[in-house]
N, C-alpha and C. Protein backbone atom coordinates (compact mmCIF):
# COMPACT_ATOMS: atom_id res chain seq x y z
N PHE A 1 -0.52 23.31 -2.95
CA PHE A 1 -1.78 23.27 -2.25
C PHE A 1 -2.47 24.61 -2.40
N CYS A 2 -3.77 24.61 -2.43
CA CYS A 2 -4.53 25.85 -2.45
C CYS A 2 -5.87 25.58 -1.77
N ASP A 3 -6.58 26.66 -1.48
CA ASP A 3 -7.90 26.47 -0.90
C ASP A 3 -8.85 27.55 -1.38
N LEU A 4 -10.12 27.26 -1.30
CA LEU A 4 -11.18 28.18 -1.67
C LEU A 4 -12.44 27.69 -0.97
N LEU A 5 -13.09 28.58 -0.24
CA LEU A 5 -14.34 28.19 0.42
C LEU A 5 -15.44 28.11 -0.63
N LEU A 6 -16.06 26.96 -0.74
CA LEU A 6 -17.12 26.73 -1.72
C LEU A 6 -18.47 26.70 -1.02
N PRO A 7 -19.50 27.28 -1.63
CA PRO A 7 -20.83 27.26 -1.01
C PRO A 7 -21.38 25.84 -0.96
N THR A 8 -21.84 25.44 0.21
CA THR A 8 -22.37 24.08 0.37
C THR A 8 -23.65 23.88 -0.43
N SER A 9 -24.30 24.97 -0.83
CA SER A 9 -25.50 24.83 -1.66
C SER A 9 -25.14 24.31 -3.05
N ASP A 10 -23.96 24.67 -3.55
CA ASP A 10 -23.50 24.21 -4.87
C ASP A 10 -22.63 22.96 -4.77
N TYR A 11 -21.93 22.80 -3.64
CA TYR A 11 -20.99 21.70 -3.47
C TYR A 11 -21.26 21.02 -2.12
N PRO A 12 -22.34 20.25 -2.02
CA PRO A 12 -22.68 19.60 -0.74
C PRO A 12 -21.68 18.51 -0.37
N HIS A 13 -21.74 18.08 0.87
CA HIS A 13 -20.88 17.00 1.34
C HIS A 13 -21.05 15.80 0.41
N GLY A 14 -19.93 15.24 -0.04
CA GLY A 14 -19.98 14.10 -0.93
C GLY A 14 -20.04 14.47 -2.41
N TYR A 15 -19.95 15.78 -2.72
CA TYR A 15 -19.99 16.22 -4.12
C TYR A 15 -18.90 15.49 -4.92
N PRO A 16 -19.23 14.97 -6.10
CA PRO A 16 -18.24 14.20 -6.88
C PRO A 16 -17.32 15.10 -7.71
N PHE A 17 -16.31 15.69 -7.07
CA PHE A 17 -15.34 16.52 -7.79
C PHE A 17 -14.64 15.68 -8.84
N ASP A 18 -14.49 16.23 -10.04
CA ASP A 18 -13.89 15.49 -11.15
C ASP A 18 -12.84 16.37 -11.82
N SER A 19 -11.57 16.02 -11.65
CA SER A 19 -10.49 16.83 -12.21
C SER A 19 -10.44 16.75 -13.73
N ASP A 20 -10.99 15.69 -14.32
CA ASP A 20 -11.03 15.60 -15.79
C ASP A 20 -12.09 16.55 -16.36
N GLU A 21 -13.24 16.62 -15.72
CA GLU A 21 -14.32 17.50 -16.17
C GLU A 21 -14.16 18.92 -15.63
N GLN A 22 -13.34 19.07 -14.60
CA GLN A 22 -13.13 20.36 -13.91
C GLN A 22 -14.47 20.99 -13.55
N ASN A 23 -15.25 20.27 -12.78
CA ASN A 23 -16.58 20.72 -12.36
C ASN A 23 -16.52 21.50 -11.05
N PHE A 24 -15.53 22.36 -10.94
CA PHE A 24 -15.32 23.17 -9.75
C PHE A 24 -14.56 24.42 -10.17
N PRO A 25 -14.59 25.50 -9.36
CA PRO A 25 -13.90 26.74 -9.72
C PRO A 25 -12.38 26.55 -9.79
N LEU A 26 -11.76 27.23 -10.74
CA LEU A 26 -10.31 27.18 -10.88
C LEU A 26 -9.68 28.57 -10.77
N ASN A 27 -10.46 29.57 -10.37
CA ASN A 27 -9.90 30.91 -10.20
C ASN A 27 -10.15 31.40 -8.78
N ASN A 28 -9.46 32.46 -8.42
CA ASN A 28 -9.54 33.05 -7.07
C ASN A 28 -9.12 32.08 -5.97
N LEU A 29 -8.21 31.18 -6.29
CA LEU A 29 -7.68 30.27 -5.29
C LEU A 29 -6.58 30.98 -4.50
N ARG A 30 -6.31 30.52 -3.32
CA ARG A 30 -5.24 31.07 -2.49
C ARG A 30 -4.15 30.03 -2.39
N PHE A 31 -2.94 30.39 -2.83
CA PHE A 31 -1.81 29.47 -2.77
C PHE A 31 -1.39 29.30 -1.33
N ILE A 32 -1.34 28.07 -0.88
CA ILE A 32 -0.94 27.78 0.50
C ILE A 32 0.52 27.38 0.55
N GLY A 33 0.95 26.56 -0.36
CA GLY A 33 2.36 26.17 -0.39
C GLY A 33 2.54 24.81 -1.01
N LEU A 34 3.78 24.52 -1.28
CA LEU A 34 4.13 23.25 -1.89
C LEU A 34 5.51 22.86 -1.37
N VAL A 35 5.62 21.64 -0.92
CA VAL A 35 6.88 21.16 -0.38
C VAL A 35 7.12 19.74 -0.87
N ALA A 36 8.34 19.49 -1.26
CA ALA A 36 8.75 18.12 -1.60
C ALA A 36 10.13 17.92 -1.01
N MET A 37 10.30 16.88 -0.24
CA MET A 37 11.57 16.67 0.44
C MET A 37 11.86 15.18 0.54
N ILE A 38 13.04 14.81 0.16
CA ILE A 38 13.46 13.42 0.27
C ILE A 38 14.43 13.25 1.43
N ASP A 39 15.30 14.24 1.61
CA ASP A 39 16.31 14.12 2.66
C ASP A 39 15.93 14.98 3.86
N PRO A 40 16.57 14.78 5.00
CA PRO A 40 16.26 15.56 6.20
C PRO A 40 16.63 17.04 6.00
N PRO A 41 15.96 17.94 6.73
CA PRO A 41 16.28 19.36 6.63
C PRO A 41 17.73 19.65 7.00
N ARG A 42 18.29 20.64 6.36
CA ARG A 42 19.68 21.03 6.63
C ARG A 42 19.74 21.90 7.88
N ALA A 43 20.93 22.11 8.38
CA ALA A 43 21.13 22.87 9.61
C ALA A 43 20.64 24.31 9.49
N ALA A 44 20.62 24.88 8.29
CA ALA A 44 20.22 26.28 8.10
C ALA A 44 18.70 26.47 8.12
N VAL A 45 17.95 25.39 8.15
CA VAL A 45 16.49 25.50 8.07
C VAL A 45 15.88 26.30 9.23
N PRO A 46 16.26 26.06 10.49
CA PRO A 46 15.64 26.83 11.57
C PRO A 46 15.81 28.35 11.39
N ASP A 47 16.98 28.78 10.95
CA ASP A 47 17.21 30.21 10.72
C ASP A 47 16.35 30.72 9.56
N ALA A 48 16.25 29.94 8.50
CA ALA A 48 15.42 30.34 7.35
C ALA A 48 13.95 30.45 7.75
N VAL A 49 13.47 29.52 8.57
CA VAL A 49 12.09 29.57 9.04
C VAL A 49 11.88 30.81 9.92
N ALA A 50 12.84 31.10 10.78
CA ALA A 50 12.75 32.29 11.64
C ALA A 50 12.70 33.56 10.81
N LYS A 51 13.50 33.64 9.76
CA LYS A 51 13.49 34.82 8.88
C LYS A 51 12.14 34.95 8.17
N CYS A 52 11.59 33.84 7.72
CA CYS A 52 10.27 33.88 7.08
C CYS A 52 9.23 34.40 8.07
N ARG A 53 9.25 33.88 9.26
CA ARG A 53 8.27 34.30 10.27
C ARG A 53 8.42 35.78 10.61
N SER A 54 9.67 36.26 10.71
CA SER A 54 9.88 37.67 11.03
C SER A 54 9.43 38.57 9.89
N ALA A 55 9.33 38.01 8.67
CA ALA A 55 8.83 38.77 7.52
C ALA A 55 7.31 38.68 7.41
N GLY A 56 6.66 37.99 8.35
CA GLY A 56 5.21 37.89 8.34
C GLY A 56 4.67 36.68 7.60
N ILE A 57 5.55 35.78 7.19
CA ILE A 57 5.12 34.57 6.49
C ILE A 57 4.78 33.51 7.52
N LYS A 58 3.60 32.92 7.41
CA LYS A 58 3.20 31.85 8.32
C LYS A 58 3.77 30.53 7.81
N VAL A 59 4.62 29.93 8.60
CA VAL A 59 5.26 28.67 8.21
C VAL A 59 4.58 27.53 8.95
N LYS A 60 4.12 26.56 8.21
CA LYS A 60 3.49 25.37 8.79
C LYS A 60 4.29 24.16 8.36
N CYS A 61 4.56 23.27 9.28
CA CYS A 61 5.34 22.08 8.97
C CYS A 61 4.51 20.85 9.30
N GLY A 62 4.69 19.82 8.52
CA GLY A 62 3.98 18.58 8.75
C GLY A 62 4.82 17.41 8.29
N VAL A 63 4.52 16.26 8.82
CA VAL A 63 5.23 15.04 8.42
C VAL A 63 4.21 14.14 7.74
N PHE A 64 4.51 13.78 6.51
CA PHE A 64 3.63 12.92 5.75
C PHE A 64 4.43 11.73 5.28
N SER A 65 3.86 10.59 5.38
CA SER A 65 4.53 9.37 4.95
C SER A 65 3.64 8.64 3.97
N PHE A 66 4.16 8.40 2.79
CA PHE A 66 3.43 7.65 1.78
C PHE A 66 4.18 6.36 1.52
N VAL A 67 3.55 5.27 1.84
CA VAL A 67 4.21 3.97 1.68
C VAL A 67 3.58 3.22 0.54
């Protein structure tokens, strides 16, 4: 995942973004993160998240279901 604030003058609501034509900026993006998980988190996860947070890393968790 990444994000970049785009000017609404160039990219108004409903703008037809096209990944084949790449009609949008592809540089100066900010990496947010990428997660893929099939099985439940292991017991060591809470400690790993705590270590990340103590190092100044913002950890965000979400539950997504694709059926």
